[in-house]
């Protein structure tokens, strides 16, 4: 069996999670530096570089092969995060206004799939490994 020349979505997803975590960590550092009155320019440049890397990786994920359930769920995770503004909408309107999305992310059997929508401290729909308090994803 020959190996695909392009990495699968699930492989790229792991890299995406790492970059997203770095971005969230840097955002926390920027907030802390702002409170101290520090120069934010180098940090903002770092955020810009990370966003460019994330966007390039999302483009790669969009075109990557989807051959397994893990690939499909990884693609769904990235799509929900990058193509929809569900987190804020569901947090504002509530899960009852999004019954199909709620059903998708809460469906049995997806608990280890890597999906999670962080809505707000008060409203979280979970179907995968948790995010940390600062919004980082568990890459497990």
N, C-alpha and C. Protein backbone atom coordinates (compact mmCIF):
# COMPACT_ATOMS: atom_id res chain seq x y z
N UNK A 1 0.85 -1.17 0.00
CA UNK A 1 0.00 0.00 0.00
C UNK A 1 0.90 1.24 0.00
N UNK A 2 0.67 2.15 -0.91
CA UNK A 2 1.49 3.36 -0.97
C UNK A 2 0.95 4.44 -0.06
N UNK A 3 1.84 5.20 0.48
CA UNK A 3 1.46 6.27 1.40
C UNK A 3 1.14 7.53 0.62
N UNK A 4 0.13 8.27 1.07
CA UNK A 4 -0.26 9.51 0.42
C UNK A 4 0.86 10.54 0.53
N UNK A 5 1.09 11.31 -0.55
CA UNK A 5 2.15 12.32 -0.50
C UNK A 5 1.78 13.50 0.40
N UNK A 6 0.50 13.62 0.74
CA UNK A 6 0.03 14.71 1.58
C UNK A 6 -0.41 14.17 2.94
N UNK A 7 -0.09 14.88 4.01
CA UNK A 7 -0.54 14.42 5.33
C UNK A 7 -2.07 14.46 5.43
N UNK A 8 -2.61 13.57 6.23
CA UNK A 8 -4.06 13.52 6.44
C UNK A 8 -4.51 14.70 7.28
N UNK A 9 -5.81 14.93 7.29
CA UNK A 9 -6.39 16.01 8.09
C UNK A 9 -6.07 15.83 9.56
N UNK A 10 -6.15 14.59 10.05
CA UNK A 10 -5.91 14.38 11.48
C UNK A 10 -4.46 14.70 11.87
N UNK A 11 -3.51 14.42 10.98
CA UNK A 11 -2.11 14.77 11.25
C UNK A 11 -1.95 16.29 11.26
N UNK A 12 -2.53 16.96 10.27
CA UNK A 12 -2.46 18.42 10.20
C UNK A 12 -3.20 19.06 11.38
N UNK A 13 -4.27 18.42 11.80
CA UNK A 13 -5.06 18.94 12.93
C UNK A 13 -4.21 19.04 14.19
N UNK A 14 -3.36 18.06 14.41
CA UNK A 14 -2.49 18.10 15.60
C UNK A 14 -1.57 19.32 15.54
N UNK A 15 -1.04 19.63 14.37
CA UNK A 15 -0.22 20.83 14.21
C UNK A 15 -1.05 22.10 14.42
N UNK A 16 -2.27 22.08 13.91
CA UNK A 16 -3.18 23.22 14.06
C UNK A 16 -3.48 23.49 15.54
N UNK A 17 -3.75 22.42 16.29
CA UNK A 17 -4.02 22.56 17.72
C UNK A 17 -2.82 23.20 18.42
N UNK A 18 -1.62 22.76 18.07
CA UNK A 18 -0.41 23.32 18.67
C UNK A 18 -0.29 24.82 18.38
N UNK A 19 -0.51 25.21 17.13
CA UNK A 19 -0.43 26.63 16.77
C UNK A 19 -1.53 27.44 17.45
N UNK A 20 -2.73 26.90 17.51
CA UNK A 20 -3.83 27.59 18.21
C UNK A 20 -3.49 27.79 19.68
N UNK A 21 -2.90 26.78 20.31
CA UNK A 21 -2.50 26.90 21.71
C UNK A 21 -1.44 27.99 21.88
N UNK A 22 -0.46 28.02 20.98
CA UNK A 22 0.57 29.05 21.04
C UNK A 22 -0.06 30.44 20.91
N UNK A 23 -1.02 30.56 20.01
CA UNK A 23 -1.69 31.85 19.81
C UNK A 23 -2.42 32.27 21.09
N UNK A 24 -3.15 31.34 21.71
CA UNK A 24 -3.88 31.66 22.94
C UNK A 24 -2.92 32.01 24.08
N UNK A 25 -1.81 31.29 24.17
CA UNK A 25 -0.80 31.61 25.20
C UNK A 25 -0.24 33.01 24.98
N UNK A 26 0.04 33.35 23.74
CA UNK A 26 0.57 34.68 23.43
C UNK A 26 -0.47 35.76 23.72
N UNK A 27 -1.73 35.48 23.45
CA UNK A 27 -2.80 36.44 23.75
C UNK A 27 -2.85 36.74 25.25
N UNK A 28 -2.67 35.71 26.06
CA UNK A 28 -2.65 35.91 27.52
C UNK A 28 -1.45 36.77 27.91
N UNK A 29 -0.30 36.49 27.29
CA UNK A 29 0.91 37.28 27.56
C UNK A 29 0.72 38.74 27.14
N UNK A 30 0.06 38.97 26.01
CA UNK A 30 -0.20 40.33 25.54
C UNK A 30 -1.07 41.07 26.54
N UNK A 31 -2.11 40.42 27.03
CA UNK A 31 -2.97 41.05 28.03
C UNK A 31 -2.20 41.41 29.28
N UNK A 32 -1.35 40.51 29.72
CA UNK A 32 -0.53 40.76 30.91
C UNK A 32 0.45 41.90 30.66
N UNK A 33 1.08 41.91 29.49
CA UNK A 33 2.04 42.97 29.16
C UNK A 33 1.35 44.32 29.04
N UNK A 34 0.14 44.32 28.47
CA UNK A 34 -0.62 45.55 28.35
C UNK A 34 -0.92 46.12 29.74
N UNK A 35 -1.27 45.26 30.67
CA UNK A 35 -1.57 45.71 32.03
C UNK A 35 -0.34 46.31 32.71
N UNK A 36 0.84 45.83 32.32
CA UNK A 36 2.09 46.36 32.89
C UNK A 36 2.59 47.58 32.12
N UNK A 37 1.95 47.90 31.00
CA UNK A 37 2.40 49.02 30.19
C UNK A 37 3.62 48.71 29.34
N UNK A 38 3.87 47.45 29.07
CA UNK A 38 5.05 47.04 28.30
C UNK A 38 4.82 47.29 26.80
N UNK A 39 5.91 47.26 26.05
CA UNK A 39 5.87 47.41 24.59
C UNK A 39 5.25 46.14 24.00
N UNK A 40 4.15 46.30 23.30
CA UNK A 40 3.42 45.16 22.74
C UNK A 40 3.82 44.82 21.31
N UNK A 41 4.58 45.69 20.67
CA UNK A 41 4.90 45.50 19.25
C UNK A 41 5.51 44.13 18.94
N UNK A 42 6.54 43.69 19.66
CA UNK A 42 7.11 42.36 19.34
C UNK A 42 6.09 41.23 19.51
N UNK A 43 5.24 41.37 20.52
CA UNK A 43 4.23 40.34 20.74
C UNK A 43 3.17 40.36 19.64
N UNK A 44 2.80 41.54 19.22
CA UNK A 44 1.82 41.67 18.13
C UNK A 44 2.39 41.08 16.84
N UNK A 45 3.68 41.28 16.60
CA UNK A 45 4.32 40.68 15.43
C UNK A 45 4.29 39.16 15.54
N UNK A 46 4.51 38.64 16.75
CA UNK A 46 4.42 37.20 16.96
C UNK A 46 3.02 36.68 16.69
N UNK A 47 2.01 37.43 17.13
CA UNK A 47 0.63 37.03 16.87
C UNK A 47 0.35 37.02 15.36
N UNK A 48 0.85 38.02 14.67
CA UNK A 48 0.65 38.09 13.23
C UNK A 48 1.28 36.89 12.53
N UNK A 49 2.51 36.55 12.94
CA UNK A 49 3.18 35.38 12.35
C UNK A 49 2.39 34.10 12.61
N UNK A 50 1.91 33.95 13.85
CA UNK A 50 1.13 32.75 14.18
C UNK A 50 -0.16 32.69 13.36
N UNK A 51 -0.84 33.82 13.21
CA UNK A 51 -2.08 33.83 12.43
C UNK A 51 -1.82 33.46 10.97
N UNK A 52 -0.72 33.94 10.43
CA UNK A 52 -0.36 33.57 9.05
C UNK A 52 -0.09 32.07 8.95
N UNK A 53 0.61 31.51 9.93
CA UNK A 53 0.88 30.07 9.94
C UNK A 53 -0.41 29.28 10.09
N UNK A 54 -1.29 29.74 10.99
CA UNK A 54 -2.57 29.06 11.20
C UNK A 54 -3.40 29.08 9.92
N UNK A 55 -3.47 30.25 9.27
CA UNK A 55 -4.27 30.36 8.05
C UNK A 55 -3.71 29.48 6.93
N UNK A 56 -2.39 29.42 6.83
CA UNK A 56 -1.77 28.55 5.82
C UNK A 56 -2.08 27.08 6.12
N UNK A 57 -2.04 26.71 7.38
CA UNK A 57 -2.34 25.34 7.77
C UNK A 57 -3.81 25.01 7.54
N UNK A 58 -4.70 25.96 7.80
CA UNK A 58 -6.13 25.75 7.54
C UNK A 58 -6.36 25.50 6.05
N UNK A 59 -5.65 26.23 5.20
CA UNK A 59 -5.76 26.01 3.76
C UNK A 59 -5.29 24.60 3.40
N UNK A 60 -4.21 24.18 4.02
CA UNK A 60 -3.70 22.83 3.78
C UNK A 60 -4.69 21.77 4.26
N UNK A 61 -5.31 22.02 5.42
CA UNK A 61 -6.30 21.10 5.97
C UNK A 61 -7.50 21.01 5.04
N UNK A 62 -7.91 22.16 4.51
CA UNK A 62 -9.08 22.19 3.61
C UNK A 62 -8.89 21.24 2.43
N UNK A 63 -7.67 21.12 1.94
CA UNK A 63 -7.40 20.32 0.75
C UNK A 63 -6.83 18.93 1.06
N UNK A 64 -6.63 18.61 2.32
CA UNK A 64 -6.02 17.33 2.69
C UNK A 64 -7.02 16.18 2.56
N UNK A 65 -6.50 14.97 2.37
CA UNK A 65 -7.39 13.81 2.23
C UNK A 65 -8.10 13.49 3.54
N UNK A 66 -9.36 13.11 3.41
CA UNK A 66 -10.18 12.67 4.54
C UNK A 66 -10.54 11.22 4.28
N UNK A 67 -9.86 10.32 5.01
CA UNK A 67 -10.08 8.90 4.75
C UNK A 67 -10.55 8.12 5.98
N UNK A 68 -10.49 8.74 7.14
CA UNK A 68 -10.89 8.04 8.37
C UNK A 68 -11.89 8.89 9.14
N UNK A 69 -12.52 8.28 10.10
CA UNK A 69 -13.43 9.01 10.97
C UNK A 69 -12.67 10.10 11.73
N UNK A 70 -11.44 9.79 12.14
CA UNK A 70 -10.61 10.79 12.83
C UNK A 70 -10.35 11.99 11.93
N UNK A 71 -10.09 11.75 10.65
CA UNK A 71 -9.89 12.84 9.69
C UNK A 71 -11.16 13.69 9.58
N UNK A 72 -12.30 13.02 9.46
CA UNK A 72 -13.57 13.73 9.33
C UNK A 72 -13.82 14.62 10.55
N UNK A 73 -13.62 14.06 11.73
CA UNK A 73 -13.88 14.83 12.94
C UNK A 73 -12.88 15.97 13.10
N UNK A 74 -11.64 15.76 12.70
CA UNK A 74 -10.64 16.83 12.74
C UNK A 74 -11.04 17.95 11.78
N UNK A 75 -11.50 17.58 10.57
CA UNK A 75 -11.95 18.58 9.60
C UNK A 75 -13.15 19.35 10.14
N UNK A 76 -14.07 18.65 10.76
CA UNK A 76 -15.24 19.30 11.36
C UNK A 76 -14.80 20.28 12.44
N UNK A 77 -13.85 19.90 13.28
CA UNK A 77 -13.36 20.77 14.34
C UNK A 77 -12.79 22.07 13.76
N UNK A 78 -11.96 21.94 12.73
CA UNK A 78 -11.35 23.13 12.12
C UNK A 78 -12.42 23.97 11.42
N UNK A 79 -13.34 23.32 10.73
CA UNK A 79 -14.41 24.06 10.04
C UNK A 79 -15.27 24.83 11.03
N UNK A 80 -15.63 24.19 12.13
CA UNK A 80 -16.44 24.89 13.14
C UNK A 80 -15.69 26.08 13.72
N UNK A 81 -14.39 25.94 13.86
CA UNK A 81 -13.60 27.01 14.46
C UNK A 81 -13.31 28.13 13.47
N UNK A 82 -13.11 27.81 12.20
CA UNK A 82 -12.66 28.82 11.23
C UNK A 82 -13.72 29.32 10.26
N UNK A 83 -14.76 28.56 10.05
CA UNK A 83 -15.73 28.97 9.06
C UNK A 83 -17.06 29.40 9.65
N UNK A 84 -17.25 29.18 10.92
CA UNK A 84 -18.49 29.58 11.59
C UNK A 84 -18.16 30.34 12.86
N UNK A 85 -19.05 31.19 13.27
CA UNK A 85 -18.87 31.91 14.53
C UNK A 85 -19.83 31.33 15.56
N UNK A 86 -19.81 30.01 15.65
CA UNK A 86 -20.77 29.32 16.52
C UNK A 86 -20.58 29.61 17.99
N UNK A 87 -19.35 29.70 18.43
CA UNK A 87 -19.11 29.86 19.86
C UNK A 87 -19.84 31.07 20.40
N UNK A 88 -19.66 32.22 19.77
CA UNK A 88 -20.32 33.42 20.29
C UNK A 88 -21.83 33.36 20.05
N UNK A 89 -22.26 32.83 18.90
CA UNK A 89 -23.70 32.74 18.64
C UNK A 89 -24.40 31.82 19.64
N UNK A 90 -23.81 30.64 19.88
CA UNK A 90 -24.44 29.71 20.82
C UNK A 90 -24.39 30.27 22.24
N UNK A 91 -23.30 30.94 22.59
CA UNK A 91 -23.21 31.54 23.92
C UNK A 91 -24.28 32.61 24.09
N UNK A 92 -24.54 33.38 23.03
CA UNK A 92 -25.53 34.46 23.11
C UNK A 92 -26.95 33.93 23.08
N UNK A 93 -27.26 33.07 22.09
CA UNK A 93 -28.63 32.61 21.90
C UNK A 93 -28.96 31.34 22.69
N UNK A 94 -27.95 30.54 22.98
CA UNK A 94 -28.16 29.30 23.72
C UNK A 94 -28.21 28.09 22.81
N UNK A 95 -27.82 26.92 23.34
CA UNK A 95 -27.79 25.69 22.56
C UNK A 95 -29.15 25.29 21.98
N UNK A 96 -30.23 25.69 22.63
CA UNK A 96 -31.56 25.32 22.15
C UNK A 96 -31.85 25.91 20.77
N UNK A 97 -31.23 27.03 20.43
CA UNK A 97 -31.42 27.63 19.11
C UNK A 97 -30.57 26.97 18.03
N UNK A 98 -29.71 26.05 18.42
CA UNK A 98 -28.83 25.34 17.49
C UNK A 98 -28.93 23.83 17.74
N UNK A 99 -30.14 23.27 17.61
CA UNK A 99 -30.32 21.86 18.01
C UNK A 99 -29.50 20.86 17.20
N UNK A 100 -29.32 21.11 15.90
CA UNK A 100 -28.57 20.14 15.09
C UNK A 100 -27.08 20.19 15.40
N UNK A 101 -26.52 21.40 15.54
CA UNK A 101 -25.11 21.53 15.89
C UNK A 101 -24.90 20.96 17.29
N UNK A 102 -25.80 21.29 18.20
CA UNK A 102 -25.69 20.76 19.56
C UNK A 102 -25.71 19.23 19.53
N UNK A 103 -26.61 18.68 18.74
CA UNK A 103 -26.70 17.22 18.63
C UNK A 103 -25.42 16.64 18.03
N UNK A 104 -24.86 17.30 17.02
CA UNK A 104 -23.62 16.82 16.41
C UNK A 104 -22.47 16.78 17.40
N UNK A 105 -22.30 17.85 18.15
CA UNK A 105 -21.15 17.89 19.04
C UNK A 105 -21.38 17.15 20.34
N UNK A 106 -22.62 16.79 20.62
CA UNK A 106 -22.91 16.01 21.82
C UNK A 106 -23.25 14.56 21.52
N UNK A 107 -23.18 14.15 20.26
CA UNK A 107 -23.61 12.80 19.90
C UNK A 107 -22.74 11.75 20.59
N UNK A 108 -23.36 10.64 21.00
CA UNK A 108 -22.61 9.57 21.66
C UNK A 108 -21.51 9.04 20.75
N UNK A 109 -20.42 8.63 21.36
CA UNK A 109 -19.35 8.03 20.59
C UNK A 109 -18.31 9.02 20.09
N UNK A 110 -18.51 10.32 20.32
CA UNK A 110 -17.53 11.30 19.84
C UNK A 110 -16.68 11.85 20.97
N UNK A 111 -16.81 11.30 22.17
CA UNK A 111 -16.11 11.88 23.30
C UNK A 111 -14.60 11.89 23.17
N UNK A 112 -14.02 11.03 22.39
CA UNK A 112 -12.57 11.03 22.22
C UNK A 112 -12.17 11.57 20.85
N UNK A 113 -13.08 12.25 20.18
CA UNK A 113 -12.83 12.65 18.81
C UNK A 113 -12.01 13.93 18.67
N UNK A 114 -11.87 14.69 19.72
CA UNK A 114 -11.08 15.91 19.62
C UNK A 114 -11.92 17.15 19.40
N UNK A 115 -13.23 17.02 19.37
CA UNK A 115 -14.07 18.19 19.16
C UNK A 115 -14.43 18.84 20.47
N UNK A 116 -14.50 20.15 20.44
CA UNK A 116 -14.96 20.92 21.59
C UNK A 116 -15.22 22.33 21.14
N UNK A 117 -16.33 22.87 21.52
CA UNK A 117 -16.60 24.27 21.25
C UNK A 117 -16.59 24.98 22.60
N UNK A 118 -15.68 25.90 22.78
CA UNK A 118 -15.62 26.68 24.02
C UNK A 118 -16.50 27.90 23.81
N UNK A 119 -17.57 27.98 24.56
CA UNK A 119 -18.53 29.06 24.35
C UNK A 119 -18.27 30.24 25.26
N UNK A 120 -18.24 30.00 26.51
CA UNK A 120 -17.99 31.03 27.49
C UNK A 120 -17.74 30.30 28.79
N UNK A 121 -17.33 31.00 29.83
CA UNK A 121 -17.14 30.28 31.09
C UNK A 121 -18.42 29.61 31.58
N UNK A 122 -19.57 30.14 31.21
CA UNK A 122 -20.83 29.60 31.71
C UNK A 122 -21.44 28.55 30.79
N UNK A 123 -21.16 28.60 29.49
CA UNK A 123 -21.80 27.71 28.54
C UNK A 123 -20.74 27.00 27.73
N UNK A 124 -20.67 25.68 27.87
CA UNK A 124 -19.70 24.90 27.11
C UNK A 124 -20.39 23.67 26.56
N UNK A 125 -20.21 23.42 25.27
CA UNK A 125 -20.67 22.17 24.66
C UNK A 125 -19.42 21.32 24.50
N UNK A 126 -19.45 20.12 25.06
CA UNK A 126 -18.25 19.30 25.07
C UNK A 126 -18.49 18.01 24.30
N UNK A 127 -17.53 17.66 23.45
CA UNK A 127 -17.52 16.32 22.88
C UNK A 127 -16.09 15.90 22.61
N UNK A 128 -15.20 16.27 23.48
CA UNK A 128 -13.82 15.88 23.30
C UNK A 128 -12.97 16.39 24.43
N UNK A 129 -11.66 16.35 24.27
CA UNK A 129 -10.77 16.76 25.35
C UNK A 129 -10.98 18.23 25.69
N UNK A 130 -10.87 18.57 26.95
CA UNK A 130 -11.16 19.94 27.37
C UNK A 130 -10.08 20.92 26.95
N UNK A 131 -10.50 22.17 26.90
CA UNK A 131 -9.55 23.26 26.76
C UNK A 131 -9.17 23.67 28.17
N UNK A 132 -8.02 24.26 28.28
CA UNK A 132 -7.61 24.78 29.57
C UNK A 132 -8.34 26.09 29.82
N UNK A 133 -8.18 26.66 31.02
CA UNK A 133 -8.87 27.89 31.36
C UNK A 133 -8.52 29.03 30.42
N UNK A 134 -7.31 29.02 29.85
CA UNK A 134 -6.92 30.11 28.95
C UNK A 134 -7.28 29.83 27.49
N UNK A 135 -8.09 28.79 27.24
CA UNK A 135 -8.56 28.51 25.89
C UNK A 135 -7.72 27.54 25.09
N UNK A 136 -6.60 27.07 25.67
CA UNK A 136 -5.73 26.13 24.96
C UNK A 136 -6.43 24.79 24.82
N UNK A 137 -6.12 24.10 23.75
CA UNK A 137 -6.68 22.78 23.50
C UNK A 137 -5.75 21.71 24.06
N UNK A 138 -6.37 20.62 24.47
CA UNK A 138 -5.59 19.44 24.86
C UNK A 138 -5.32 18.67 23.59
N UNK A 139 -4.05 18.58 23.20
CA UNK A 139 -3.68 17.97 21.92
C UNK A 139 -3.65 16.45 21.96
N UNK A 140 -4.02 15.84 23.06
CA UNK A 140 -3.95 14.39 23.20
C UNK A 140 -4.62 13.68 22.13
